[in-house]
Amino acid sequence: MFIVDVAKETGTMNFLLGCAVWAYKGWIGEFYPPKSPAGELLHLYSQRLRTVEGNTTFYAIPSSETIAQWKSQMSPGFQFCPKLPRSLTHNGVLKPN
């Protein structure tokens, strides 16, 4: 995933690089330290990359408690890029003009 963030005040562009997931267990031992617990993967991910796709929002809107938990694990300046819910993208709600 690649996001361009344009600062309105300065006109500068910031590039945010990230992946579609943070909890991929195959990265433990390579991207994440060996034996990293699942509950620490978002925190570890946010120390290396600046954004992640919020894939869970495609299936359901997370609870405010879940969002607060994610926020507590993120490094400063880290950003989520949530997917639109499938009820909008796959049920004919979005239509071209």
C-alpha atoms as a PDB file:
ATOM      1  CA  MET A   1       0.000   0.000   0.000  1.00  0.00           C
ATOM      2  CA  PHE A   2       1.260   3.464  -0.851  1.00  0.00           C
ATOM      3  CA  ILE A   3      -0.441   6.663   0.326  1.00  0.00           C
ATOM      4  CA  VAL A   4       0.455  10.239  -0.583  1.00  0.00           C
ATOM      5  CA  ASP A   5      -0.403  12.769   2.096  1.00  0.00           C
ATOM      6  CA  VAL A   6      -0.246  16.404   0.954  1.00  0.00           C
ATOM      7  CA  ALA A   7       0.183  18.941   3.744  1.00  0.00           C
ATOM      8  CA  LYS A   8      -2.149  21.858   2.984  1.00  0.00           C
ATOM      9  CA  GLU A   9      -0.093  24.368   4.943  1.00  0.00           C
ATOM     10  CA  THR A  10       3.196  23.731   3.159  1.00  0.00           C
ATOM     11  CA  GLY A  11       2.198  21.947  -0.038  1.00  0.00           C
ATOM     12  CA  THR A  12       4.702  19.210   0.757  1.00  0.00           C
ATOM     13  CA  MET A  13       4.000  15.557   0.060  1.00  0.00           C
ATOM     14  CA  ASN A  14       4.579  12.800   2.571  1.00  0.00           C
ATOM     15  CA  PHE A  15       4.705   9.216   1.378  1.00  0.00           C
ATOM     16  CA  LEU A  16       3.296   6.608   3.719  1.00  0.00           C
ATOM     17  CA  LEU A  17       4.262   3.008   3.043  1.00  0.00           C
ATOM     18  CA  GLY A  18       2.420   0.061   4.474  1.00  0.00           C
ATOM     19  CA  CYS A  19       0.925  -3.375   3.929  1.00  0.00           C
ATOM     20  CA  ALA A  20      -2.567  -4.819   3.872  1.00  0.00           C
ATOM     21  CA  VAL A  21      -2.067  -6.641   7.204  1.00  0.00           C
ATOM     22  CA  TRP A  22       0.001  -6.414  10.356  1.00  0.00           C
ATOM     23  CA  ALA A  23      -0.723  -9.782  11.956  1.00  0.00           C
ATOM     24  CA  TYR A  24       0.825 -12.083   9.344  1.00  0.00           C
ATOM     25  CA  LYS A  25       2.414 -14.858  11.416  1.00  0.00           C
ATOM     26  CA  GLY A  26       4.838 -15.749   8.615  1.00  0.00           C
ATOM     27  CA  TRP A  27       6.714 -12.507   9.344  1.00  0.00           C
ATOM     28  CA  ILE A  28       7.634 -13.602  12.876  1.00  0.00           C
ATOM     29  CA  GLY A  29      11.345 -14.287  12.915  1.00  0.00           C
ATOM     30  CA  GLU A  30      11.958 -12.165   9.794  1.00  0.00           C
ATOM     31  CA  PHE A  31      10.072  -8.851   9.926  1.00  0.00           C
ATOM     32  CA  TYR A  32       9.185  -9.280  13.606  1.00  0.00           C
ATOM     33  CA  PRO A  33      11.547 -10.601  16.282  1.00  0.00           C
ATOM     34  CA  PRO A  34      11.377 -14.358  16.924  1.00  0.00           C
ATOM     35  CA  LYS A  35       8.602 -15.437  19.299  1.00  0.00           C
ATOM     36  CA  SER A  36       6.739 -12.096  19.030  1.00  0.00           C
ATOM     37  CA  PRO A  37       3.321 -12.456  20.687  1.00  0.00           C
ATOM     38  CA  ALA A  38       0.285 -11.808  18.474  1.00  0.00           C
ATOM     39  CA  GLY A  39      -0.854  -9.007  20.794  1.00  0.00           C
ATOM     40  CA  GLU A  40       2.319  -7.006  20.091  1.00  0.00           C
ATOM     41  CA  LEU A  41       2.377  -7.255  16.297  1.00  0.00           C
ATOM     42  CA  LEU A  42       0.571  -3.966  15.612  1.00  0.00           C
ATOM     43  CA  HIS A  43       2.972  -2.119  17.921  1.00  0.00           C
ATOM     44  CA  LEU A  44       5.999  -3.761  16.279  1.00  0.00           C
ATOM     45  CA  TYR A  45       4.584  -3.097  12.801  1.00  0.00           C
ATOM     46  CA  SER A  46       3.966   0.587  13.580  1.00  0.00           C
ATOM     47  CA  GLN A  47       7.625   0.991  14.550  1.00  0.00           C
ATOM     48  CA  ARG A  48       8.705  -0.026  11.033  1.00  0.00           C
ATOM     49  CA  LEU A  49       6.009   1.295   8.694  1.00  0.00           C
ATOM     50  CA  ARG A  50       3.786   4.390   8.833  1.00  0.00           C
ATOM     51  CA  THR A  51       0.424   3.007   7.710  1.00  0.00           C
ATOM     52  CA  VAL A  52      -1.593  -0.189   7.370  1.00  0.00           C
ATOM     53  CA  GLU A  53      -4.763  -1.089   5.530  1.00  0.00           C
ATOM     54  CA  GLY A  54      -7.648  -1.667   7.939  1.00  0.00           C
ATOM     55  CA  ASN A  55      -8.933  -4.817   6.268  1.00  0.00           C
ATOM     56  CA  THR A  56     -11.293  -5.686   9.134  1.00  0.00           C
ATOM     57  CA  THR A  57     -13.535  -2.721   8.266  1.00  0.00           C
ATOM     58  CA  PHE A  58     -14.448  -4.515   5.029  1.00  0.00           C
ATOM     59  CA  TYR A  59     -16.210  -7.210   7.059  1.00  0.00           C
ATOM     60  CA  ALA A  60     -17.491  -5.301  10.105  1.00  0.00           C
ATOM     61  CA  ILE A  61     -17.095  -1.975  11.860  1.00  0.00           C
ATOM     62  CA  PRO A  62     -14.810  -2.547  14.845  1.00  0.00           C
ATOM     63  CA  SER A  63     -16.011  -1.606  18.308  1.00  0.00           C
ATOM     64  CA  SER A  64     -14.790   1.580  19.946  1.00  0.00           C
ATOM     65  CA  GLU A  65     -12.923  -0.622  22.452  1.00  0.00           C
ATOM     66  CA  THR A  66     -11.053  -2.368  19.637  1.00  0.00           C
ATOM     67  CA  ILE A  67     -10.164   0.958  18.025  1.00  0.00           C
ATOM     68  CA  ALA A  68      -8.929   2.306  21.374  1.00  0.00           C
ATOM     69  CA  GLN A  69      -6.801  -0.816  21.839  1.00  0.00           C
ATOM     70  CA  TRP A  70      -5.270  -0.406  18.366  1.00  0.00           C
ATOM     71  CA  LYS A  71      -4.593   3.258  19.043  1.00  0.00           C
ATOM     72  CA  SER A  72      -2.794   2.448  22.287  1.00  0.00           C
ATOM     73  CA  GLN A  73      -0.408   0.171  20.377  1.00  0.00           C
ATOM     74  CA  MET A  74       0.450   2.545  17.524  1.00  0.00           C
ATOM     75  CA  SER A  75       3.565   4.676  17.305  1.00  0.00           C
ATOM     76  CA  PRO A  76       3.049   8.475  17.025  1.00  0.00           C
ATOM     77  CA  GLY A  77       2.064   9.548  13.503  1.00  0.00           C
ATOM     78  CA  PHE A  78       0.949   6.048  12.476  1.00  0.00           C
ATOM     79  CA  GLN A  79      -2.170   5.975  10.294  1.00  0.00           C
ATOM     80  CA  PHE A  80      -4.814   3.425   9.332  1.00  0.00           C
ATOM     81  CA  CYS A  81      -6.261   3.304   5.840  1.00  0.00           C
ATOM     82  CA  PRO A  82      -9.621   1.593   6.416  1.00  0.00           C
ATOM     83  CA  LYS A  83     -11.313  -0.381   3.671  1.00  0.00           C
ATOM     84  CA  LEU A  84     -14.844   0.609   2.813  1.00  0.00           C
ATOM     85  CA  PRO A  85     -17.410  -1.885   4.145  1.00  0.00           C
ATOM     86  CA  ARG A  86     -18.391  -4.573   1.648  1.00  0.00           C
ATOM     87  CA  SER A  87     -22.019  -3.546   2.164  1.00  0.00           C
ATOM     88  CA  LEU A  88     -21.083  -0.395   0.213  1.00  0.00           C
ATOM     89  CA  THR A  89     -18.621  -1.801  -2.287  1.00  0.00           C
ATOM     90  CA  HIS A  90     -20.232  -5.130  -3.186  1.00  0.00           C
ATOM     91  CA  ASN A  91     -23.997  -4.637  -2.843  1.00  0.00           C
ATOM     92  CA  GLY A  92     -24.596  -2.118  -5.618  1.00  0.00           C
ATOM     93  CA  VAL A  93     -24.691   0.932  -3.337  1.00  0.00           C
ATOM     94  CA  LEU A  94     -21.798   2.618  -5.159  1.00  0.00           C
ATOM     95  CA  LYS A  95     -22.793   3.411  -8.727  1.00  0.00           C
ATOM     96  CA  PRO A  96     -21.009   5.466 -11.377  1.00  0.00           C
ATOM     97  CA  ASN A  97     -22.610   8.762 -12.411  1.00  0.00           C
END
